[in-house]
Amino acid sequence: MSESLLHSSVEERVAVVRLKRPKVLNALSLEMMAQLADVLERLDSDPDVRCIVLTGDERAFAAGADINDMADASVATMYERNQFARWERIKRIRTPIIAAVSGYCLGGGCELAMHCDIIIASETARFAQPEINIGVMPGAGGTQRLTRALGKFRAMELILTGRQMTAREAYDAGLVTRVVPVEIYLDEAVKLAREIGQKAPLAVRLAKEAVLKAWETSLSEGLEYERKLFYLLFGTEDQREGMKAFLEKRPAAYRGR
């Protein structure tokens, strides 16, 4: 790949990945998505990384997919390209990902935020699935994840009109975890990531897995899955350390084992 379209750094067990195409409001090109999948997989395999923050800039988290990649594409081109394979790779990341969103979070940008596990939004954030305005519909999970987050009737209105939601509306609807002033949105995401990074890494990853399972299974299947993961953690050093530290009234020293 020629030019890096991302910037990543790691400090205090937290990785910050920044989308870096400011001239086009961080539009998600095929190359950017390939780079993002590569970077997230690398961080996911790094034992020193316990939480990831994904962000853009104050103007835009990401204003959607790059239309230049699709405007002249045929059905065969889109099928053979298999561009959503990159999104499936992101979906499989085990490390918790916090989206720090400011400004536009539209189309593919909204779908990317919904691929994350927590969304911290600035007061200027705007969320939408506006694909209907250019003759298509969401294709990276927008119709499915937005419906699960908001319910059928709210999601239907947003997807069929392309209307933008304010950060406060998104929070009230259950899409956003927290709304904060624009000056501190990234700091708040990093602060939360550091808090998660202090917990037992295996327990965090399995807890994430169990919560995501709740989206895809019945209650009885989800409860059975949860119990299996709960029992599994009793084979870890971190479980023994965590409970011992609690009884001894001291901070636990987790090692991810």
C-alpha atoms as a PDB file:
ATOM      1  CA  MET A   1       0.000   0.000   0.000  1.00  0.00           C
ATOM      2  CA  SER A   2       1.341   3.419  -0.974  1.00  0.00           C
ATOM      3  CA  GLU A   3       0.262   5.994   1.595  1.00  0.00           C
ATOM      4  CA  SER A   4      -0.721   5.365   5.191  1.00  0.00           C
ATOM      5  CA  LEU A   5      -4.302   6.448   5.709  1.00  0.00           C
ATOM      6  CA  LEU A   6      -4.175   5.771   9.448  1.00  0.00           C
ATOM      7  CA  HIS A   7      -2.118   6.765  12.438  1.00  0.00           C
ATOM      8  CA  SER A   8      -1.756   4.445  15.414  1.00  0.00           C
ATOM      9  CA  SER A   9       0.013   4.682  18.756  1.00  0.00           C
ATOM     10  CA  VAL A  10       0.104   2.652  21.972  1.00  0.00           C
ATOM     11  CA  GLU A  11       0.444   4.064  25.472  1.00  0.00           C
ATOM     12  CA  GLU A  12      -0.502   2.608  28.864  1.00  0.00           C
ATOM     13  CA  ARG A  13      -2.076  -0.512  27.280  1.00  0.00           C
ATOM     14  CA  VAL A  14      -4.336   1.606  25.062  1.00  0.00           C
ATOM     15  CA  ALA A  15      -3.980   1.855  21.297  1.00  0.00           C
ATOM     16  CA  VAL A  16      -5.341   4.915  19.515  1.00  0.00           C
ATOM     17  CA  VAL A  17      -6.068   4.480  15.805  1.00  0.00           C
ATOM     18  CA  ARG A  18      -6.903   7.637  13.875  1.00  0.00           C
ATOM     19  CA  LEU A  19      -8.485   7.733  10.409  1.00  0.00           C
ATOM     20  CA  LYS A  20      -6.426  10.155   8.347  1.00  0.00           C
ATOM     21  CA  ARG A  21      -8.144  11.428   5.192  1.00  0.00           C
ATOM     22  CA  PRO A  22      -9.223  14.872   6.444  1.00  0.00           C
ATOM     23  CA  LYS A  23      -9.673  16.432   2.986  1.00  0.00           C
ATOM     24  CA  VAL A  24     -12.543  14.017   2.260  1.00  0.00           C
ATOM     25  CA  LEU A  25     -13.894  13.877   5.830  1.00  0.00           C
ATOM     26  CA  ASN A  26     -12.235  10.479   6.354  1.00  0.00           C
ATOM     27  CA  ALA A  27     -14.273   8.800   3.627  1.00  0.00           C
ATOM     28  CA  LEU A  28     -13.719   5.051   3.874  1.00  0.00           C
ATOM     29  CA  SER A  29     -11.912   3.998   0.725  1.00  0.00           C
ATOM     30  CA  LEU A  30     -11.184   0.366  -0.043  1.00  0.00           C
ATOM     31  CA  GLU A  31      -7.518   1.000   0.716  1.00  0.00           C
ATOM     32  CA  MET A  32      -8.297   2.627   4.054  1.00  0.00           C
ATOM     33  CA  MET A  33     -10.522  -0.272   5.109  1.00  0.00           C
ATOM     34  CA  ALA A  34      -7.809  -2.772   4.155  1.00  0.00           C
ATOM     35  CA  GLN A  35      -5.263  -0.826   6.203  1.00  0.00           C
ATOM     36  CA  LEU A  36      -7.672  -0.560   9.120  1.00  0.00           C
ATOM     37  CA  ALA A  37      -8.331  -4.301   9.173  1.00  0.00           C
ATOM     38  CA  ASP A  38      -4.565  -4.959   9.081  1.00  0.00           C
ATOM     39  CA  VAL A  39      -3.819  -2.521  11.923  1.00  0.00           C
ATOM     40  CA  LEU A  40      -6.636  -3.761  14.152  1.00  0.00           C
ATOM     41  CA  GLU A  41      -5.578  -7.391  13.685  1.00  0.00           C
ATOM     42  CA  ARG A  42      -1.998  -6.490  14.571  1.00  0.00           C
ATOM     43  CA  LEU A  43      -3.112  -4.667  17.716  1.00  0.00           C
ATOM     44  CA  ASP A  44      -5.471  -7.513  18.601  1.00  0.00           C
ATOM     45  CA  SER A  45      -2.529  -9.909  18.713  1.00  0.00           C
ATOM     46  CA  ASP A  46      -0.352  -7.568  20.819  1.00  0.00           C
ATOM     47  CA  PRO A  47      -0.456  -8.609  24.514  1.00  0.00           C
ATOM     48  CA  ASP A  48       0.457  -5.055  25.524  1.00  0.00           C
ATOM     49  CA  VAL A  49      -2.780  -3.700  24.002  1.00  0.00           C
ATOM     50  CA  ARG A  50      -5.863  -4.182  26.151  1.00  0.00           C
ATOM     51  CA  CYS A  51      -8.241  -1.672  24.593  1.00  0.00           C
ATOM     52  CA  ILE A  52      -8.401   0.202  21.279  1.00  0.00           C
ATOM     53  CA  VAL A  53      -9.760   3.689  20.591  1.00  0.00           C
ATOM     54  CA  LEU A  54     -10.806   4.362  16.997  1.00  0.00           C
ATOM     55  CA  THR A  55     -11.298   7.991  16.007  1.00  0.00           C
ATOM     56  CA  GLY A  56     -11.197  10.519  13.190  1.00  0.00           C
ATOM     57  CA  ASP A  57     -10.954  14.253  13.871  1.00  0.00           C
ATOM     58  CA  GLU A  58     -13.243  16.989  15.182  1.00  0.00           C
ATOM     59  CA  ARG A  59     -14.924  17.517  11.793  1.00  0.00           C
ATOM     60  CA  ALA A  60     -15.646  13.889  11.032  1.00  0.00           C
ATOM     61  CA  PHE A  61     -15.284  10.388  12.376  1.00  0.00           C
ATOM     62  CA  ALA A  62     -16.022   9.238   8.823  1.00  0.00           C
ATOM     63  CA  ALA A  63     -18.511  10.785   6.412  1.00  0.00           C
ATOM     64  CA  GLY A  64     -19.248   7.501   4.643  1.00  0.00           C
ATOM     65  CA  ALA A  65     -17.790   5.186   2.050  1.00  0.00           C
ATOM     66  CA  ASP A  66     -15.692   6.667  -0.740  1.00  0.00           C
ATOM     67  CA  ILE A  67     -18.199   6.957  -3.608  1.00  0.00           C
ATOM     68  CA  ASN A  68     -15.322   7.054  -6.119  1.00  0.00           C
ATOM     69  CA  ASP A  69     -14.809   3.347  -5.407  1.00  0.00           C
ATOM     70  CA  MET A  70     -18.388   2.492  -6.329  1.00  0.00           C
ATOM     71  CA  ALA A  71     -19.887   5.020  -8.734  1.00  0.00           C
ATOM     72  CA  ASP A  72     -19.081   3.039 -11.907  1.00  0.00           C
ATOM     73  CA  ALA A  73     -19.128  -0.467 -10.407  1.00  0.00           C
ATOM     74  CA  SER A  74     -21.305  -3.246 -11.809  1.00  0.00           C
ATOM     75  CA  VAL A  75     -23.028  -6.039  -9.909  1.00  0.00           C
ATOM     76  CA  ALA A  76     -20.218  -8.378 -10.958  1.00  0.00           C
ATOM     77  CA  THR A  77     -17.557  -5.901  -9.841  1.00  0.00           C
ATOM     78  CA  MET A  78     -19.108  -5.464  -6.429  1.00  0.00           C
ATOM     79  CA  TYR A  79     -19.557  -9.199  -5.972  1.00  0.00           C
ATOM     80  CA  GLU A  80     -16.022 -10.093  -7.044  1.00  0.00           C
ATOM     81  CA  ARG A  81     -14.499  -7.281  -5.007  1.00  0.00           C
ATOM     82  CA  ASN A  82     -15.894  -8.812  -1.791  1.00  0.00           C
ATOM     83  CA  GLN A  83     -15.193  -5.567   0.012  1.00  0.00           C
ATOM     84  CA  PHE A  84     -17.207  -6.578   3.064  1.00  0.00           C
ATOM     85  CA  ALA A  85     -14.619  -9.261   3.868  1.00  0.00           C
ATOM     86  CA  ARG A  86     -12.617  -6.425   5.444  1.00  0.00           C
ATOM     87  CA  TRP A  87     -15.578  -5.569   7.660  1.00  0.00           C
ATOM     88  CA  GLU A  88     -15.848  -9.207   8.748  1.00  0.00           C
ATOM     89  CA  ARG A  89     -12.200  -9.065   9.829  1.00  0.00           C
ATOM     90  CA  ILE A  90     -12.976  -6.011  11.981  1.00  0.00           C
ATOM     91  CA  LYS A  91     -16.008  -7.765  13.447  1.00  0.00           C
ATOM     92  CA  ARG A  92     -13.732 -10.595  14.658  1.00  0.00           C
ATOM     93  CA  ILE A  93     -11.412  -8.337  16.693  1.00  0.00           C
ATOM     94  CA  ARG A  94     -11.454  -9.639  20.271  1.00  0.00           C
ATOM     95  CA  THR A  95      -9.992  -6.560  21.978  1.00  0.00           C
ATOM     96  CA  PRO A  96     -12.660  -4.008  22.992  1.00  0.00           C
ATOM     97  CA  ILE A  97     -12.878  -1.065  20.593  1.00  0.00           C
ATOM     98  CA  ILE A  98     -14.170   2.360  21.642  1.00  0.00           C
ATOM     99  CA  ALA A  99     -15.293   4.713  18.873  1.00  0.00           C
ATOM    100  CA  ALA A 100     -14.497   8.348  19.704  1.00  0.00           C
ATOM    101  CA  VAL A 101     -16.864  10.237  17.405  1.00  0.00           C
ATOM    102  CA  SER A 102     -16.996  13.914  16.569  1.00  0.00           C
ATOM    103  CA  GLY A 103     -18.670  15.601  13.633  1.00  0.00           C
ATOM    104  CA  TYR A 104     -20.011  13.536  10.776  1.00  0.00           C
ATOM    105  CA  CYS A 105     -20.544   9.814  11.356  1.00  0.00           C
ATOM    106  CA  LEU A 106     -22.498   8.904   8.251  1.00  0.00           C
ATOM    107  CA  GLY A 107     -23.148   5.832   6.136  1.00  0.00           C
ATOM    108  CA  GLY A 108     -20.132   3.565   6.333  1.00  0.00           C
ATOM    109  CA  GLY A 109     -18.817   5.760   9.138  1.00  0.00           C
ATOM    110  CA  CYS A 110     -21.913   5.043  11.219  1.00  0.00           C
ATOM    111  CA  GLU A 111     -21.593   1.346  10.354  1.00  0.00           C
ATOM    112  CA  LEU A 112     -17.937   1.415  11.419  1.00  0.00           C
ATOM    113  CA  ALA A 113     -18.856   3.037  14.739  1.00  0.00           C
ATOM    114  CA  MET A 114     -21.476   0.331  15.256  1.00  0.00           C
ATOM    115  CA  HIS A 115     -18.786  -2.316  14.654  1.00  0.00           C
ATOM    116  CA  CYS A 116     -17.136  -0.921  17.799  1.00  0.00           C
ATOM    117  CA  ASP A 117     -18.176  -1.896  21.314  1.00  0.00           C
ATOM    118  CA  ILE A 118     -18.662   1.521  22.914  1.00  0.00           C
ATOM    119  CA  ILE A 119     -19.341   4.918  21.329  1.00  0.00           C
ATOM    120  CA  ILE A 120     -18.215   8.147  22.998  1.00  0.00           C
ATOM    121  CA  ALA A 121     -19.662  11.088  21.064  1.00  0.00           C
ATOM    122  CA  SER A 122     -18.892  14.782  21.129  1.00  0.00           C
ATOM    123  CA  GLU A 123     -21.805  17.192  21.238  1.00  0.00           C
ATOM    124  CA  THR A 124     -21.165  17.963  17.559  1.00  0.00           C
ATOM    125  CA  ALA A 125     -21.516  14.348  16.387  1.00  0.00           C
ATOM    126  CA  ARG A 126     -24.127  13.558  13.734  1.00  0.00           C
ATOM    127  CA  PHE A 127     -25.178   9.988  12.937  1.00  0.00           C
ATOM    128  CA  ALA A 128     -27.003   8.825   9.813  1.00  0.00           C
ATOM    129  CA  GLN A 129     -27.406   6.137   7.170  1.00  0.00           C
ATOM    130  CA  PRO A 130     -27.963   8.424   4.146  1.00  0.00           C
ATOM    131  CA  GLU A 131     -27.345   5.821   1.433  1.00  0.00           C
ATOM    132  CA  ILE A 132     -30.956   6.138   0.271  1.00  0.00           C
ATOM    133  CA  ASN A 133     -30.073   9.621  -1.012  1.00  0.00           C
ATOM    134  CA  ILE A 134     -27.690   8.194  -3.617  1.00  0.00           C
ATOM    135  CA  GLY A 135     -29.887   5.355  -4.805  1.00  0.00           C
ATOM    136  CA  VAL A 136     -28.632   2.505  -2.619  1.00  0.00           C
ATOM    137  CA  MET A 137     -29.007   1.269   0.949  1.00  0.00           C
ATOM    138  CA  PRO A 138     -26.649   0.401   3.807  1.00  0.00           C
ATOM    139  CA  GLY A 139     -24.491  -2.623   3.002  1.00  0.00           C
ATOM    140  CA  ALA A 140     -22.019  -2.952   5.883  1.00  0.00           C
ATOM    141  CA  GLY A 141     -24.561  -3.784   8.557  1.00  0.00           C
ATOM    142  CA  GLY A 142     -26.523  -0.547   8.858  1.00  0.00           C
ATOM    143  CA  THR A 143     -29.977  -2.065   8.434  1.00  0.00           C
ATOM    144  CA  GLN A 144     -29.193  -4.804  10.950  1.00  0.00           C
ATOM    145  CA  ARG A 145     -27.153  -3.100  13.668  1.00  0.00           C
ATOM    146  CA  LEU A 146     -29.119   0.138  13.684  1.00  0.00           C
ATOM    147  CA  THR A 147     -32.375  -1.823  13.991  1.00  0.00           C
ATOM    148  CA  ARG A 148     -30.986  -3.833  16.900  1.00  0.00           C
ATOM    149  CA  ALA A 149     -29.762  -0.655  18.594  1.00  0.00           C
ATOM    150  CA  LEU A 150     -32.826   1.541  18.057  1.00  0.00           C
ATOM    151  CA  GLY A 151     -35.718  -0.788  17.291  1.00  0.00           C
ATOM    152  CA  LYS A 152     -37.616  -1.271  14.030  1.00  0.00           C
ATOM    153  CA  PHE A 153     -39.571   1.969  13.857  1.00  0.00           C
ATOM    154  CA  ARG A 154     -36.790   4.444  14.599  1.00  0.00           C
ATOM    155  CA  ALA A 155     -34.349   2.583  12.364  1.00  0.00           C
ATOM    156  CA  MET A 156     -36.867   2.390   9.529  1.00  0.00           C
ATOM    157  CA  GLU A 157     -37.436   6.145   9.547  1.00  0.00           C
ATOM    158  CA  LEU A 158     -33.717   6.934   9.601  1.00  0.00           C
ATOM    159  CA  ILE A 159     -32.797   4.465   6.868  1.00  0.00           C
ATOM    160  CA  LEU A 160     -35.680   5.386   4.541  1.00  0.00           C
ATOM    161  CA  THR A 161     -35.117   9.141   4.880  1.00  0.00           C
ATOM    162  CA  GLY A 162     -31.370   9.400   5.471  1.00  0.00           C
ATOM    163  CA  ARG A 163     -32.040  11.891   8.265  1.00  0.00           C
ATOM    164  CA  GLN A 164     -29.184  12.781  10.593  1.00  0.00           C
ATOM    165  CA  MET A 165     -29.445  12.274  14.349  1.00  0.00           C
ATOM    166  CA  THR A 166     -27.795  14.633  16.788  1.00  0.00           C
ATOM    167  CA  ALA A 167     -25.489  13.199  19.423  1.00  0.00           C
ATOM    168  CA  ARG A 168     -28.111  13.764  22.114  1.00  0.00           C
ATOM    169  CA  GLU A 169     -30.811  12.067  20.055  1.00  0.00           C
ATOM    170  CA  ALA A 170     -28.493   9.132  19.423  1.00  0.00           C
ATOM    171  CA  TYR A 171     -27.787   8.894  23.147  1.00  0.00           C
ATOM    172  CA  ASP A 172     -31.464   9.017  24.064  1.00  0.00           C
ATOM    173  CA  ALA A 173     -32.167   6.289  21.485  1.00  0.00           C
ATOM    174  CA  GLY A 174     -29.479   3.998  22.903  1.00  0.00           C
ATOM    175  CA  LEU A 175     -26.930   4.187  20.078  1.00  0.00           C
ATOM    176  CA  VAL A 176     -24.327   6.213  21.980  1.00  0.00           C
ATOM    177  CA  THR A 177     -22.724   5.391  25.327  1.00  0.00           C
ATOM    178  CA  ARG A 178     -21.901   8.944  26.402  1.00  0.00           C
ATOM    179  CA  VAL A 179     -22.056  12.520  25.046  1.00  0.00           C
ATOM    180  CA  VAL A 180     -19.328  14.950  26.112  1.00  0.00           C
ATOM    181  CA  PRO A 181     -18.049  18.395  25.039  1.00  0.00           C
ATOM    182  CA  VAL A 182     -16.096  18.327  21.787  1.00  0.00           C
ATOM    183  CA  GLU A 183     -12.944  19.520  23.559  1.00  0.00           C
ATOM    184  CA  ILE A 184     -12.669  16.304  25.577  1.00  0.00           C
ATOM    185  CA  TYR A 185     -14.333  13.576  23.477  1.00  0.00           C
ATOM    186  CA  LEU A 186     -11.059  11.802  22.645  1.00  0.00           C
ATOM    187  CA  ASP A 187      -9.676  12.231  26.172  1.00  0.00           C
ATOM    188  CA  GLU A 188     -12.849  10.683  27.602  1.00  0.00           C
ATOM    189  CA  ALA A 189     -12.577   7.705  25.242  1.00  0.00           C
ATOM    190  CA  VAL A 190      -8.935   7.155  26.168  1.00  0.00           C
ATOM    191  CA  LYS A 191      -9.744   7.496  29.879  1.00  0.00           C
ATOM    192  CA  LEU A 192     -12.429   4.831  29.565  1.00  0.00           C
ATOM    193  CA  ALA A 193     -10.079   2.620  27.537  1.00  0.00           C
ATOM    194  CA  ARG A 194      -7.447   2.856  30.278  1.00  0.00           C
ATOM    195  CA  GLU A 195     -10.024   1.850  32.872  1.00  0.00           C
ATOM    196  CA  ILE A 196     -10.942  -1.226  30.811  1.00  0.00           C
ATOM    197  CA  GLY A 197      -7.249  -1.899  30.248  1.00  0.00           C
ATOM    198  CA  GLN A 198      -6.739  -2.370  33.987  1.00  0.00           C
ATOM    199  CA  LYS A 199      -9.137  -5.320  34.104  1.00  0.00           C
ATOM    200  CA  ALA A 200      -8.286  -8.978  33.500  1.00  0.00           C
ATOM    201  CA  PRO A 201      -7.693  -9.184  29.710  1.00  0.00           C
ATOM    202  CA  LEU A 202      -9.155 -12.649  29.170  1.00  0.00           C
ATOM    203  CA  ALA A 203     -12.254 -11.831  31.208  1.00  0.00           C
ATOM    204  CA  VAL A 204     -12.714  -8.610  29.224  1.00  0.00           C
ATOM    205  CA  ARG A 205     -12.463 -10.395  25.881  1.00  0.00           C
ATOM    206  CA  LEU A 206     -14.838 -13.170  26.872  1.00  0.00           C
ATOM    207  CA  ALA A 207     -17.298 -10.689  28.376  1.00  0.00           C
ATOM    208  CA  LYS A 208     -17.274  -8.787  25.072  1.00  0.00           C
ATOM    209  CA  GLU A 209     -17.880 -12.057  23.247  1.00  0.00           C
ATOM    210  CA  ALA A 210     -20.832 -12.880  25.483  1.00  0.00           C
ATOM    211  CA  VAL A 211     -22.468  -9.475  25.044  1.00  0.00           C
ATOM    212  CA  LEU A 212     -22.141  -9.698  21.257  1.00  0.00           C
ATOM    213  CA  LYS A 213     -23.664 -13.171  21.379  1.00  0.00           C
ATOM    214  CA  ALA A 214     -26.791 -11.648  22.912  1.00  0.00           C
ATOM    215  CA  TRP A 215     -27.450  -9.897  19.587  1.00  0.00           C
ATOM    216  CA  GLU A 216     -27.471 -13.138  17.647  1.00  0.00           C
ATOM    217  CA  THR A 217     -29.111 -15.789  19.851  1.00  0.00           C
ATOM    218  CA  SER A 218     -32.169 -16.461  21.947  1.00  0.00           C
ATOM    219  CA  LEU A 219     -32.068 -15.770  25.683  1.00  0.00           C
ATOM    220  CA  SER A 220     -31.703 -19.451  26.585  1.00  0.00           C
ATOM    221  CA  GLU A 221     -28.850 -19.944  24.096  1.00  0.00           C
ATOM    222  CA  GLY A 222     -27.167 -16.774  25.298  1.00  0.00           C
ATOM    223  CA  LEU A 223     -27.381 -17.819  28.944  1.00  0.00           C
ATOM    224  CA  GLU A 224     -25.874 -21.203  28.153  1.00  0.00           C
ATOM    225  CA  TYR A 225     -23.045 -19.523  26.236  1.00  0.00           C
ATOM    226  CA  GLU A 226     -22.436 -17.083  29.085  1.00  0.00           C
ATOM    227  CA  ARG A 227     -22.165 -19.901  31.636  1.00  0.00           C
ATOM    228  CA  LYS A 228     -19.605 -21.767  29.537  1.00  0.00           C
ATOM    229  CA  LEU A 229     -17.404 -18.682  29.282  1.00  0.00           C
ATOM    230  CA  PHE A 230     -17.838 -18.009  33.004  1.00  0.00           C
ATOM    231  CA  TYR A 231     -16.661 -21.520  33.866  1.00  0.00           C
ATOM    232  CA  LEU A 232     -13.788 -21.232  31.397  1.00  0.00           C
ATOM    233  CA  LEU A 233     -12.321 -18.281  33.289  1.00  0.00           C
ATOM    234  CA  PHE A 234     -11.779 -20.485  36.343  1.00  0.00           C
ATOM    235  CA  GLY A 235      -8.913 -22.066  34.434  1.00  0.00           C
ATOM    236  CA  THR A 236      -6.990 -18.770  34.292  1.00  0.00           C
ATOM    237  CA  GLU A 237      -4.285 -17.318  36.511  1.00  0.00           C
ATOM    238  CA  ASP A 238      -6.060 -13.967  36.389  1.00  0.00           C
ATOM    239  CA  GLN A 239      -9.170 -15.407  38.059  1.00  0.00           C
ATOM    240  CA  ARG A 240      -7.075 -16.681  40.944  1.00  0.00           C
ATOM    241  CA  GLU A 241      -5.144 -13.413  41.165  1.00  0.00           C
ATOM    242  CA  GLY A 242      -8.296 -11.296  41.015  1.00  0.00           C
ATOM    243  CA  MET A 243     -10.088 -13.129  43.798  1.00  0.00           C
ATOM    244  CA  LYS A 244      -6.967 -13.366  45.933  1.00  0.00           C
ATOM    245  CA  ALA A 245      -6.332  -9.625  45.534  1.00  0.00           C
ATOM    246  CA  PHE A 246      -9.942  -8.902  46.499  1.00  0.00           C
ATOM    247  CA  LEU A 247      -9.643 -10.971  49.681  1.00  0.00           C
ATOM    248  CA  GLU A 248      -6.288  -9.381  50.500  1.00  0.00           C
ATOM    249  CA  LYS A 249      -7.661  -5.890  49.815  1.00  0.00           C
ATOM    250  CA  ARG A 250      -4.990  -4.957  47.261  1.00  0.00           C
ATOM    251  CA  PRO A 251      -4.962  -4.099  43.540  1.00  0.00           C
ATOM    252  CA  ALA A 252      -4.803  -7.123  41.276  1.00  0.00           C
ATOM    253  CA  ALA A 253      -1.845  -7.638  38.955  1.00  0.00           C
ATOM    254  CA  TYR A 254      -3.365  -9.193  35.852  1.00  0.00           C
ATOM    255  CA  ARG A 255      -1.116 -10.879  33.302  1.00  0.00           C
ATOM    256  CA  GLY A 256      -3.573 -12.071  30.703  1.00  0.00           C
ATOM    257  CA  ARG A 257      -3.090 -15.740  31.562  1.00  0.00           C
END
